[in-house]
N, C-alpha and C. Protein backbone atom coordinates (compact mmCIF):
# COMPACT_ATOMS: atom_id res chain seq x y z
N MET A 1 237.81 89.69 125.73
CA MET A 1 238.15 89.70 126.96
C MET A 1 239.02 91.38 127.19
N ILE A 2 238.54 91.88 128.12
CA ILE A 2 239.33 92.84 128.24
C ILE A 2 240.57 93.13 128.74
N ASN A 3 241.87 94.21 128.31
CA ASN A 3 242.84 93.57 128.27
C ASN A 3 243.06 94.07 130.08
N PRO A 4 243.88 93.13 130.29
CA PRO A 4 243.50 93.65 132.15
C PRO A 4 244.78 94.86 132.51
N ILE A 5 245.61 95.63 131.62
CA ILE A 5 246.39 96.69 131.86
C ILE A 5 245.01 97.66 131.66
N ILE A 6 244.38 97.66 130.79
CA ILE A 6 242.67 98.12 131.08
C ILE A 6 241.93 98.41 131.96
N LYS A 7 242.51 96.91 132.34
CA LYS A 7 240.61 96.76 133.54
C LYS A 7 241.26 97.67 134.88
N LYS A 8 242.60 97.31 135.29
CA LYS A 8 242.95 98.18 135.54
C LYS A 8 242.38 99.88 136.15
N TYR A 9 242.35 100.42 135.13
CA TYR A 9 241.66 101.98 135.14
C TYR A 9 239.97 102.12 135.45
N GLU A 10 239.32 100.80 135.54
CA GLU A 10 237.87 101.16 135.71
C GLU A 10 237.67 101.50 137.06
N PRO A 11 238.20 101.28 138.18
CA PRO A 11 238.13 102.00 139.31
C PRO A 11 238.35 103.49 139.43
N LEU A 12 239.48 104.02 138.36
CA LEU A 12 239.73 105.45 138.26
C LEU A 12 238.59 106.17 137.58
N VAL A 13 237.52 105.31 136.38
CA VAL A 13 236.50 106.20 136.01
C VAL A 13 235.35 106.20 136.95
N ASP A 14 235.17 105.41 137.57
CA ASP A 14 233.98 105.96 139.17
C ASP A 14 234.54 107.08 139.39
N LEU A 15 235.82 107.18 140.18
CA LEU A 15 236.37 107.76 141.28
C LEU A 15 236.39 109.26 140.84
N LEU A 16 236.62 109.46 139.02
CA LEU A 16 236.51 110.35 138.50
C LEU A 16 235.21 111.22 138.63
N ALA A 17 234.29 110.32 137.63
CA ALA A 17 233.01 110.82 137.81
C ALA A 17 232.30 110.93 139.19
N ASP A 18 232.23 110.31 139.93
CA ASP A 18 232.13 110.74 141.22
C ASP A 18 232.91 112.10 141.68
N LEU A 19 233.75 112.32 141.69
CA LEU A 19 233.94 113.88 142.15
C LEU A 19 234.02 114.94 141.32
N PHE A 20 233.84 114.80 139.97
CA PHE A 20 233.21 116.05 139.07
C PHE A 20 232.00 116.04 139.00
N GLY A 21 230.98 114.95 139.23
CA GLY A 21 229.64 114.85 139.22
C GLY A 21 229.27 114.39 138.32
N SER A 22 227.97 114.83 137.48
CA SER A 22 227.22 114.81 136.42
C SER A 22 227.61 115.38 134.78
N ASN A 23 227.94 115.97 135.27
CA ASN A 23 228.59 116.92 133.93
C ASN A 23 229.97 116.61 133.22
N CYS A 24 230.68 116.06 134.00
CA CYS A 24 231.87 115.18 133.94
C CYS A 24 232.04 113.55 133.06
N GLU A 25 231.86 113.85 131.83
CA GLU A 25 231.85 112.30 131.26
C GLU A 25 233.40 111.66 131.19
N VAL A 26 233.22 110.37 131.75
CA VAL A 26 234.30 109.42 131.91
C VAL A 26 234.37 108.33 130.88
N VAL A 27 235.71 108.13 130.20
CA VAL A 27 235.34 106.83 129.02
C VAL A 27 236.50 106.19 129.00
N LEU A 28 236.63 105.04 129.33
CA LEU A 28 237.88 104.01 129.24
C LEU A 28 237.79 103.00 128.03
N HIS A 29 239.04 103.14 127.27
CA HIS A 29 238.88 102.80 125.82
C HIS A 29 240.12 101.52 125.66
N ASP A 30 239.42 100.29 125.43
CA ASP A 30 240.59 98.77 125.00
C ASP A 30 240.45 99.30 123.75
N ILE A 31 241.84 99.33 122.71
CA ILE A 31 241.57 99.65 121.29
C ILE A 31 241.84 98.41 120.36
N LYS A 32 241.74 97.10 121.37
CA LYS A 32 241.79 95.80 120.56
C LYS A 32 241.00 95.81 119.75
N ASN A 33 239.85 96.09 119.81
CA ASN A 33 238.68 96.35 119.36
C ASN A 33 237.91 97.68 118.87
N PRO A 34 238.70 98.35 118.05
CA PRO A 34 238.33 100.12 117.79
C PRO A 34 236.68 99.98 117.82
N GLU A 35 236.02 99.04 116.95
CA GLU A 35 234.67 99.12 116.69
C GLU A 35 233.88 98.93 118.08
N HIS A 36 234.70 98.77 118.75
CA HIS A 36 233.62 98.78 120.08
C HIS A 36 234.31 98.60 121.26
N SER A 37 235.20 99.87 121.66
CA SER A 37 236.33 100.03 121.87
C SER A 37 235.56 100.52 123.15
N ILE A 38 235.02 101.29 123.28
CA ILE A 38 234.55 102.14 125.24
C ILE A 38 233.82 100.58 125.54
N ILE A 39 234.77 100.31 126.53
CA ILE A 39 234.38 99.27 127.41
C ILE A 39 233.64 99.97 129.67
N LYS A 40 234.06 101.10 129.29
CA LYS A 40 233.47 101.70 130.78
C LYS A 40 233.23 103.38 130.47
N ILE A 41 231.85 103.34 130.69
CA ILE A 41 231.54 105.13 130.48
C ILE A 41 230.55 105.34 131.78
N ARG A 42 230.91 106.70 131.88
CA ARG A 42 230.31 107.09 133.28
C ARG A 42 229.84 108.26 132.65
N ASN A 43 228.45 108.86 132.60
CA ASN A 43 227.76 110.23 132.02
C ASN A 43 227.42 110.22 130.76
N GLY A 44 227.43 109.03 129.68
CA GLY A 44 227.81 109.33 128.56
C GLY A 44 226.40 109.95 127.93
N HIS A 45 225.43 110.74 128.59
CA HIS A 45 224.22 111.44 128.16
C HIS A 45 225.41 112.38 127.60
N ILE A 46 226.45 113.13 128.30
CA ILE A 46 227.14 114.10 127.14
C ILE A 46 227.47 114.00 126.38
N THR A 47 227.82 112.80 125.31
CA THR A 47 228.28 112.74 124.25
C THR A 47 227.20 111.97 123.40
N SER A 48 226.20 110.82 124.25
CA SER A 48 225.63 110.81 123.69
C SER A 48 225.67 109.21 123.50
N ARG A 49 227.28 109.04 124.07
CA ARG A 49 227.55 107.60 123.96
C ARG A 49 227.48 106.80 124.89
N LYS A 50 227.86 105.15 124.98
CA LYS A 50 227.26 104.45 125.52
C LYS A 50 228.55 102.91 125.52
N ARG A 51 228.45 102.00 126.72
CA ARG A 51 229.68 100.90 126.22
C ARG A 51 229.22 100.37 124.90
N GLY A 52 230.01 99.98 124.55
CA GLY A 52 230.61 98.85 123.21
C GLY A 52 230.14 100.29 122.50
N GLY A 53 230.59 101.65 122.56
CA GLY A 53 230.45 102.61 121.02
C GLY A 53 232.13 102.23 120.65
N PRO A 54 232.08 102.95 119.11
CA PRO A 54 233.68 103.03 118.99
C PRO A 54 234.47 104.13 119.28
N ILE A 55 235.50 103.90 118.96
CA ILE A 55 236.30 104.77 118.84
C ILE A 55 236.60 106.27 118.50
N THR A 56 237.15 107.34 118.98
CA THR A 56 236.76 108.26 117.78
C THR A 56 237.95 108.83 116.77
N ASP A 57 237.81 109.40 116.29
CA ASP A 57 238.50 109.88 115.22
C ASP A 57 239.83 110.35 115.62
N LEU A 58 240.20 111.11 116.61
CA LEU A 58 240.96 111.54 117.48
C LEU A 58 241.75 110.34 118.00
N GLY A 59 240.77 109.75 118.70
CA GLY A 59 241.99 108.13 118.76
C GLY A 59 242.38 107.53 118.02
N LEU A 60 241.64 107.21 116.85
CA LEU A 60 242.32 107.05 115.46
C LEU A 60 243.80 107.35 115.24
N LYS A 61 243.76 108.78 115.07
CA LYS A 61 244.72 109.53 114.52
C LYS A 61 246.04 108.93 115.56
N MET A 62 245.94 109.38 116.84
CA MET A 62 246.68 109.12 118.05
C MET A 62 247.14 107.86 118.08
N ILE A 63 246.25 106.63 117.55
CA ILE A 63 247.43 105.31 117.46
C ILE A 63 248.12 105.13 116.00
N LYS A 64 247.65 106.30 114.83
CA LYS A 64 248.26 106.10 113.52
C LYS A 64 249.63 106.82 113.96
N ASP A 65 249.17 107.76 114.28
CA ASP A 65 250.94 108.48 115.14
C ASP A 65 251.72 108.56 116.11
N ASN A 66 250.82 107.51 116.67
CA ASN A 66 251.71 106.81 117.89
C ASN A 66 252.06 108.18 119.25
N LYS A 67 251.12 108.98 119.18
CA LYS A 67 251.57 109.78 120.37
C LYS A 67 250.32 110.88 119.62
N PRO A 68 250.32 111.96 121.08
CA PRO A 68 251.14 111.57 121.99
C PRO A 68 250.70 110.87 123.37
N GLU A 69 251.00 111.58 124.42
CA GLU A 69 250.99 110.71 125.58
C GLU A 69 250.01 111.33 126.28
N THR A 70 249.73 112.31 126.12
CA THR A 70 248.37 113.21 126.99
C THR A 70 248.01 114.28 125.80
N ILE A 71 246.90 114.76 125.90
CA ILE A 71 246.80 115.74 125.17
C ILE A 71 245.06 116.44 125.78
N LEU A 72 245.00 118.05 125.80
CA LEU A 72 244.20 118.62 126.58
C LEU A 72 243.65 119.38 125.27
N TYR A 73 242.12 119.79 125.55
CA TYR A 73 241.62 120.45 123.59
C TYR A 73 240.41 120.76 124.31
N THR A 74 239.34 121.46 123.60
CA THR A 74 238.28 121.78 123.76
C THR A 74 237.67 121.89 122.63
N GLU A 75 236.32 121.05 122.36
CA GLU A 75 235.23 120.35 121.81
C GLU A 75 234.02 121.02 121.68
N LYS A 76 233.24 120.97 120.84
CA LYS A 76 231.77 120.96 120.77
C LYS A 76 230.97 119.58 120.80
N THR A 77 230.11 119.35 121.39
CA THR A 77 228.69 118.24 120.79
C THR A 77 228.10 118.55 119.23
N LYS A 78 227.60 117.77 118.89
CA LYS A 78 226.46 117.60 117.86
C LYS A 78 225.35 118.68 118.20
N GLU A 79 225.10 118.61 119.77
CA GLU A 79 224.46 119.26 120.26
C GLU A 79 224.67 120.31 120.80
N GLY A 80 225.27 121.00 120.65
CA GLY A 80 226.24 122.31 120.97
C GLY A 80 226.87 122.82 122.44
N ARG A 81 227.13 121.39 122.83
CA ARG A 81 227.36 121.33 124.24
C ARG A 81 229.23 121.88 124.06
N THR A 82 229.74 122.82 125.09
CA THR A 82 231.29 122.77 124.63
C THR A 82 231.60 121.53 126.01
N LEU A 83 232.76 121.58 125.43
CA LEU A 83 233.71 120.37 126.27
C LEU A 83 234.79 121.11 126.40
N ARG A 84 235.26 120.71 127.87
CA ARG A 84 236.87 120.65 128.12
C ARG A 84 237.55 119.38 128.20
N CYS A 85 238.15 118.50 127.56
CA CYS A 85 238.34 117.77 127.42
C CYS A 85 239.98 117.03 127.44
N ALA A 86 240.34 115.81 127.93
CA ALA A 86 241.44 115.40 128.43
C ALA A 86 241.82 113.32 128.17
N GLY A 87 242.76 113.45 127.62
CA GLY A 87 243.01 112.05 127.21
C GLY A 87 244.30 111.80 127.68
N LEU A 88 244.37 110.48 128.25
CA LEU A 88 245.81 109.79 128.74
C LEU A 88 245.71 108.49 127.65
N VAL A 89 246.90 108.34 126.95
CA VAL A 89 247.22 107.08 126.69
C VAL A 89 247.68 106.35 127.85
N ILE A 90 246.92 104.79 127.51
CA ILE A 90 247.46 103.95 128.48
C ILE A 90 248.54 102.41 127.27
N ARG A 91 249.28 102.52 128.00
CA ARG A 91 250.20 101.38 127.20
C ARG A 91 250.35 100.50 127.74
N ASP A 92 250.88 99.38 126.64
CA ASP A 92 250.63 97.86 127.32
C ASP A 92 252.54 97.49 127.59
N GLU A 93 253.06 96.29 127.35
CA GLU A 93 254.23 96.24 128.59
C GLU A 93 255.71 95.98 127.00
N SER A 94 254.88 96.18 125.86
CA SER A 94 255.32 96.45 124.91
C SER A 94 255.74 97.29 124.36
N LYS A 95 254.75 99.25 125.16
CA LYS A 95 255.03 100.16 124.58
C LYS A 95 254.04 100.33 123.94
N LYS A 96 253.42 99.77 123.49
CA LYS A 96 252.53 100.09 122.35
C LYS A 96 250.38 100.29 123.13
N ILE A 97 250.46 101.26 122.20
CA ILE A 97 249.08 101.76 122.78
C ILE A 97 247.75 100.67 122.88
N ALA A 98 247.41 100.36 123.93
CA ALA A 98 246.43 99.26 124.65
C ALA A 98 244.53 100.18 124.58
N GLY A 99 245.53 101.39 124.95
CA GLY A 99 243.84 102.16 125.29
C GLY A 99 244.20 103.57 125.93
N TYR A 100 242.95 104.04 125.86
CA TYR A 100 242.93 105.64 126.54
C TYR A 100 241.77 105.43 127.77
N LEU A 101 242.19 106.50 128.70
CA LEU A 101 241.28 107.22 129.34
C LEU A 101 240.78 108.70 129.03
N CYS A 102 239.47 109.11 128.96
CA CYS A 102 239.13 110.27 128.21
C CYS A 102 238.45 110.54 129.36
N ILE A 103 238.69 112.01 129.59
CA ILE A 103 237.57 113.38 130.27
C ILE A 103 236.93 114.00 129.43
N ASN A 104 235.88 114.42 129.88
CA ASN A 104 235.39 115.07 128.65
C ASN A 104 234.05 116.17 129.99
N LEU A 105 234.51 117.06 130.31
CA LEU A 105 233.57 118.27 131.13
C LEU A 105 233.03 119.05 130.23
N ASP A 106 231.82 118.83 130.60
CA ASP A 106 230.65 119.88 129.98
C ASP A 106 230.81 121.15 130.85
N ILE A 107 231.49 122.09 130.15
CA ILE A 107 231.91 123.86 130.49
C ILE A 107 230.30 124.67 129.89
N SER A 108 229.53 124.16 129.18
CA SER A 108 228.64 124.73 128.53
C SER A 108 227.63 126.05 129.60
N SER A 109 227.75 125.41 131.00
CA SER A 109 226.87 126.82 131.83
C SER A 109 228.16 127.54 132.19
N LEU A 110 229.39 127.27 131.54
CA LEU A 110 230.00 128.72 132.24
C LEU A 110 230.41 130.00 131.78
N ASN A 111 229.94 130.89 131.63
CA ASN A 111 229.91 132.26 130.40
C ASN A 111 231.86 132.77 130.41
N ILE A 112 232.00 132.51 131.64
CA ILE A 112 233.17 133.20 131.59
C ILE A 112 234.25 132.53 132.47
N TRP A 113 235.36 132.05 131.85
CA TRP A 113 236.25 131.15 132.84
C TRP A 113 236.89 132.18 133.43
N ASP A 114 237.39 131.59 134.71
CA ASP A 114 238.23 132.07 135.95
C ASP A 114 239.49 132.56 135.22
N SER A 115 240.39 133.04 135.76
CA SER A 115 241.92 133.16 135.48
C SER A 115 242.73 132.01 135.66
N GLN A 116 242.38 131.26 136.30
CA GLN A 116 242.73 129.87 136.42
C GLN A 116 242.63 128.63 135.77
N ASN A 117 241.42 128.86 134.97
CA ASN A 117 240.94 127.92 133.64
C ASN A 117 241.12 128.81 132.46
N GLN A 118 241.23 129.94 132.63
CA GLN A 118 242.36 130.28 131.07
C GLN A 118 243.43 129.87 131.35
N GLU A 119 244.46 130.25 132.24
CA GLU A 119 246.11 129.96 132.37
C GLU A 119 245.92 128.36 132.34
N MET A 120 244.98 127.24 132.30
CA MET A 120 245.12 126.10 132.33
C MET A 120 244.52 125.64 130.79
N HIS A 121 243.91 126.59 130.22
CA HIS A 121 243.03 126.31 128.86
C HIS A 121 244.34 127.17 127.83
N SER A 122 245.14 127.92 127.94
CA SER A 122 246.67 128.44 127.33
C SER A 122 247.79 127.51 127.51
N GLY A 123 247.75 127.19 128.61
CA GLY A 123 249.14 126.83 128.74
C GLY A 123 249.04 125.15 128.45
N SER A 124 248.39 124.47 128.74
CA SER A 124 248.07 123.13 128.40
C SER A 124 248.21 122.96 127.27
N ASP A 125 247.57 123.50 126.46
CA ASP A 125 247.10 123.29 125.15
C ASP A 125 248.98 123.29 124.00
N ARG A 126 249.81 124.35 124.43
CA ARG A 126 250.69 124.13 123.84
C ARG A 126 251.48 122.52 123.98
N LYS A 127 250.91 121.42 124.85
CA LYS A 127 251.93 120.22 124.49
C LYS A 127 251.31 119.52 123.87
N SER A 128 250.85 119.81 122.93
CA SER A 128 249.90 118.80 121.75
C SER A 128 249.73 119.58 120.23
N SER A 129 250.33 119.30 119.51
CA SER A 129 250.26 119.71 118.07
C SER A 129 248.86 119.36 117.30
N PHE A 130 247.88 118.80 118.56
CA PHE A 130 246.45 119.44 117.75
C PHE A 130 245.74 120.19 117.32
N ASN A 131 245.23 120.10 116.44
CA ASN A 131 244.21 121.53 116.81
C ASN A 131 242.89 120.72 115.61
N HIS A 132 242.43 119.83 116.52
CA HIS A 132 241.38 118.75 115.99
C HIS A 132 239.80 118.52 116.64
N LEU A 133 239.23 118.42 115.35
CA LEU A 133 237.79 118.41 115.82
C LEU A 133 237.54 116.91 115.68
N GLU A 134 237.09 116.48 117.21
CA GLU A 134 236.56 115.52 117.80
C GLU A 134 235.16 114.85 117.38
N HIS A 135 234.63 114.04 116.42
CA HIS A 135 233.33 113.57 116.16
C HIS A 135 233.35 112.54 117.45
N PHE A 136 232.22 112.64 118.13
CA PHE A 136 231.47 111.44 119.39
C PHE A 136 230.79 111.08 118.39
N GLU A 137 230.83 109.71 117.88
CA GLU A 137 229.69 109.22 116.96
C GLU A 137 229.44 107.88 117.99
N MET A 138 227.83 107.65 117.72
CA MET A 138 227.87 106.13 118.55
C MET A 138 227.67 105.14 117.74
N ASP A 139 228.54 105.10 116.49
CA ASP A 139 228.60 103.82 115.81
C ASP A 139 229.59 104.19 114.56
N VAL A 140 229.91 103.10 114.32
CA VAL A 140 231.28 103.22 113.08
C VAL A 140 231.14 103.82 111.85
N LYS A 141 230.07 103.17 111.38
CA LYS A 141 229.50 103.52 110.22
C LYS A 141 229.43 105.50 110.28
N SER A 142 228.49 105.89 111.16
CA SER A 142 228.30 107.32 111.43
C SER A 142 229.69 108.44 111.50
N LEU A 143 230.87 107.44 112.03
CA LEU A 143 232.02 107.80 112.15
C LEU A 143 232.81 108.31 111.02
N ILE A 144 232.60 107.03 110.13
CA ILE A 144 233.31 107.36 108.92
C ILE A 144 232.41 107.94 108.38
N GLY A 145 231.58 108.20 108.18
CA GLY A 145 230.51 109.03 107.09
C GLY A 145 231.11 110.45 107.41
N VAL A 146 230.88 110.82 108.58
CA VAL A 146 231.24 112.08 108.82
C VAL A 146 232.55 112.85 108.60
N ASN A 147 233.41 111.57 108.96
CA ASN A 147 234.99 112.21 108.44
C ASN A 147 235.42 112.36 107.07
N THR A 148 234.86 111.68 106.43
CA THR A 148 234.75 111.64 104.66
C THR A 148 233.94 112.79 104.04
N ASN A 149 232.61 112.72 104.98
CA ASN A 149 232.09 114.36 104.36
C ASN A 149 232.65 115.53 104.47
N GLU A 150 233.56 115.14 106.10
CA GLU A 150 233.98 116.64 106.25
C GLU A 150 235.35 116.65 105.54
N ILE A 151 235.88 115.62 104.74
CA ILE A 151 237.18 116.18 103.98
C ILE A 151 236.30 116.33 102.92
N MET A 152 235.67 115.98 102.03
CA MET A 152 234.91 115.98 100.66
C MET A 152 234.79 118.11 100.86
N ASN A 153 233.86 117.84 102.10
CA ASN A 153 233.28 119.58 101.77
C ASN A 153 235.01 120.79 102.13
N ASN A 154 235.75 120.17 102.56
CA ASN A 154 236.95 121.21 102.65
C ASN A 154 237.16 121.02 101.73
N ILE A 155 237.69 120.35 100.92
CA ILE A 155 238.64 120.34 99.72
C ILE A 155 238.12 120.10 98.36
N TYR A 156 236.74 119.57 98.50
CA TYR A 156 235.97 119.69 96.98
C TYR A 156 234.57 119.26 97.20
N SER A 157 234.13 120.48 97.54
CA SER A 157 232.54 120.87 97.83
C SER A 157 231.82 120.66 96.95
N ASN A 158 231.93 120.89 95.59
CA ASN A 158 231.57 120.71 94.45
C ASN A 158 231.45 120.12 93.63
N LYS A 159 231.63 118.90 94.37
CA LYS A 159 232.05 117.68 93.61
C LYS A 159 231.53 116.26 94.30
N ARG A 160 230.97 115.67 93.18
CA ARG A 160 230.91 114.39 94.05
C ARG A 160 232.70 113.30 93.73
N PHE A 161 232.36 112.45 94.58
CA PHE A 161 233.73 111.60 94.17
C PHE A 161 234.00 110.63 92.85
N GLU A 162 233.05 110.58 92.09
CA GLU A 162 233.31 109.80 90.84
C GLU A 162 233.26 110.90 89.80
N GLU A 163 233.28 112.33 90.24
CA GLU A 163 233.93 113.35 89.53
C GLU A 163 235.37 113.90 89.55
N LEU A 164 236.01 113.39 90.49
CA LEU A 164 237.18 113.73 91.18
C LEU A 164 238.59 113.00 89.94
N THR A 165 239.27 114.12 89.82
CA THR A 165 240.45 112.98 88.96
C THR A 165 240.97 112.07 89.82
N LYS A 166 241.87 111.36 89.41
CA LYS A 166 242.56 110.17 89.90
C LYS A 166 243.37 110.88 91.16
N ALA A 167 244.01 112.07 91.05
CA ALA A 167 245.18 112.59 91.90
C ALA A 167 243.90 113.26 93.39
N GLU A 168 242.84 114.05 92.38
CA GLU A 168 241.57 114.16 93.48
C GLU A 168 241.65 113.02 94.67
N LYS A 169 241.05 111.88 94.08
CA LYS A 169 240.50 110.35 94.70
C LYS A 169 241.78 110.14 95.97
N PHE A 170 242.94 110.17 95.30
CA PHE A 170 244.16 109.95 96.18
C PHE A 170 243.98 110.66 97.03
N GLU A 171 243.86 112.38 97.16
CA GLU A 171 243.94 112.91 97.92
C GLU A 171 242.89 112.92 99.08
N VAL A 172 241.96 112.60 98.69
CA VAL A 172 241.07 112.42 100.13
C VAL A 172 241.18 110.81 100.45
N LEU A 173 241.45 109.83 99.80
CA LEU A 173 241.98 108.59 100.26
C LEU A 173 242.87 108.61 101.33
N LYS A 174 243.91 109.23 101.01
CA LYS A 174 245.09 109.78 101.86
C LYS A 174 244.84 110.68 102.96
N ARG A 175 243.86 111.48 103.22
CA ARG A 175 243.49 111.98 103.94
C ARG A 175 242.85 111.06 105.27
N LEU A 176 242.24 110.24 104.98
CA LEU A 176 241.22 109.59 106.09
C LEU A 176 242.17 108.54 106.33
N ASN A 177 243.53 108.30 105.26
CA ASN A 177 244.38 107.25 105.82
C ASN A 177 245.23 107.87 107.04
N LYS A 178 245.46 109.20 107.04
CA LYS A 178 246.24 109.74 107.98
C LYS A 178 245.36 109.98 109.08
N LYS A 179 244.14 109.86 108.99
CA LYS A 179 243.29 110.39 110.24
C LYS A 179 243.18 108.72 111.47
N GLY A 180 243.51 108.45 110.46
CA GLY A 180 243.21 106.39 110.87
C GLY A 180 242.01 105.96 110.85
N ILE A 181 241.42 105.98 109.61
CA ILE A 181 240.18 105.59 109.09
C ILE A 181 240.26 104.01 108.85
N PHE A 182 241.07 103.79 107.99
CA PHE A 182 241.37 102.25 107.67
C PHE A 182 241.59 101.58 108.99
N LEU A 183 241.90 101.90 109.77
CA LEU A 183 242.56 100.90 110.96
C LEU A 183 240.99 100.60 111.74
N ILE A 184 239.82 100.81 111.20
CA ILE A 184 238.70 100.39 111.29
C ILE A 184 238.23 99.19 110.70
N LYS A 185 237.72 98.13 111.02
CA LYS A 185 236.95 96.93 110.42
C LYS A 185 236.11 97.20 109.80
N GLY A 186 235.86 97.03 108.41
CA GLY A 186 234.78 97.38 107.71
C GLY A 186 235.12 98.58 106.94
N ALA A 187 236.30 99.49 107.26
CA ALA A 187 235.80 100.99 107.01
C ALA A 187 236.42 100.61 105.28
N VAL A 188 236.92 100.22 104.65
CA VAL A 188 237.02 100.30 103.13
C VAL A 188 235.30 99.77 102.64
N LYS A 189 234.89 98.94 103.26
CA LYS A 189 233.53 98.71 102.61
C LYS A 189 232.40 100.07 102.70
N GLU A 190 232.66 100.59 103.79
CA GLU A 190 231.87 101.46 104.22
C GLU A 190 232.25 102.66 103.04
N ILE A 191 233.51 102.98 102.96
CA ILE A 191 233.99 104.15 102.49
C ILE A 191 233.66 104.11 100.50
N ALA A 192 233.62 102.67 100.55
CA ALA A 192 233.42 102.41 98.95
C ALA A 192 231.75 102.41 98.40
N GLU A 193 230.55 102.19 99.42
CA GLU A 193 229.33 102.72 99.24
C GLU A 193 229.04 103.73 99.54
N ILE A 194 229.71 104.76 99.96
CA ILE A 194 229.72 106.25 100.33
C ILE A 194 230.35 106.75 98.79
N PHE A 195 231.08 106.09 97.99
CA PHE A 195 231.53 107.05 97.16
C PHE A 195 231.36 106.24 95.50
N SER A 196 230.18 105.38 96.23
CA SER A 196 229.54 104.58 95.03
C SER A 196 230.65 103.81 94.07
N VAL A 197 231.21 103.26 94.62
CA VAL A 197 232.83 102.61 93.52
C VAL A 197 232.79 101.13 94.16
N SER A 198 233.59 100.19 93.61
CA SER A 198 234.18 99.28 94.16
C SER A 198 234.85 98.91 95.27
N SER A 199 235.11 98.00 96.51
CA SER A 199 236.17 98.28 97.49
C SER A 199 237.17 97.50 96.76
N VAL A 200 237.24 96.93 95.66
CA VAL A 200 238.46 96.67 94.85
C VAL A 200 239.27 98.10 94.32
N SER A 201 238.80 98.62 94.22
CA SER A 201 238.98 100.61 93.88
C SER A 201 239.60 101.12 94.96
N ILE A 202 238.52 101.33 96.05
CA ILE A 202 239.40 101.69 97.25
C ILE A 202 240.75 101.17 97.78
N TYR A 203 240.85 99.72 97.58
CA TYR A 203 241.91 99.09 97.84
C TYR A 203 243.17 99.59 97.12
N LYS A 204 242.52 99.75 95.96
CA LYS A 204 243.67 99.78 94.79
C LYS A 204 244.71 101.39 94.90
N TYR A 205 243.88 102.09 95.43
CA TYR A 205 244.37 103.60 96.07
C TYR A 205 244.83 103.35 97.04
N LEU A 206 244.72 102.28 97.90
CA LEU A 206 245.38 102.47 99.51
C LEU A 206 246.57 101.70 99.11
N GLU A 207 246.49 101.27 98.00
CA GLU A 207 248.23 100.33 97.87
C GLU A 207 249.30 101.51 96.91
N GLU A 208 248.87 102.04 96.48
CA GLU A 208 249.41 103.39 96.16
C GLU A 208 249.87 104.12 96.98
N ILE A 209 248.86 104.75 98.03
CA ILE A 209 249.34 105.22 99.27
C ILE A 209 250.58 104.65 100.25
N LYS A 210 250.67 103.40 99.98
CA LYS A 210 251.69 103.09 100.81
C LYS A 210 252.52 103.03 100.04
N GLU A 211 252.65 102.85 98.76
CA GLU A 211 253.91 103.09 97.97
C GLU A 211 254.94 104.56 98.03
């Protein structure tokens, strides 16, 4: 059942999509089930997503950090689209994050931004400490995989997980945990398969991280 607080935003999804047209994707997330958080989406062709798709890694990190309330940033999709993105946190009565309203405007066809857009870009981004690449994946397995591979490539590009020292393995899992990846149901199993280790081994490392 969709959270009634989130459901109130459904008309706004249609309003924004109709206002900005087919180059503007509008997405409503209910994070009660992060694996299938997208409850309404318009113009999903922009990121190749649909209703029932998962939350993004950026959304997970915002849950983990419990902030910010709004975020503005520029992103690129796997297909090469340049997006101007905005996100609004939706909170429940207890002030916990319940969902997100996200707007992804495809600005690929704009060769030069006018001065107003330039001002918006430089001025509004200062409200957020994020300098984050967001991944728009169609399923949880892809979301976990792309984040795991990204961390491995960034810090241990010439090694497989089994070749890492204990301290290095700890660092990889620590970074995944910081990104909120383990908030996803089944994340431990997926990561264990990627690294060719047992789920028990991953849980042991996570216990150490919590300590």
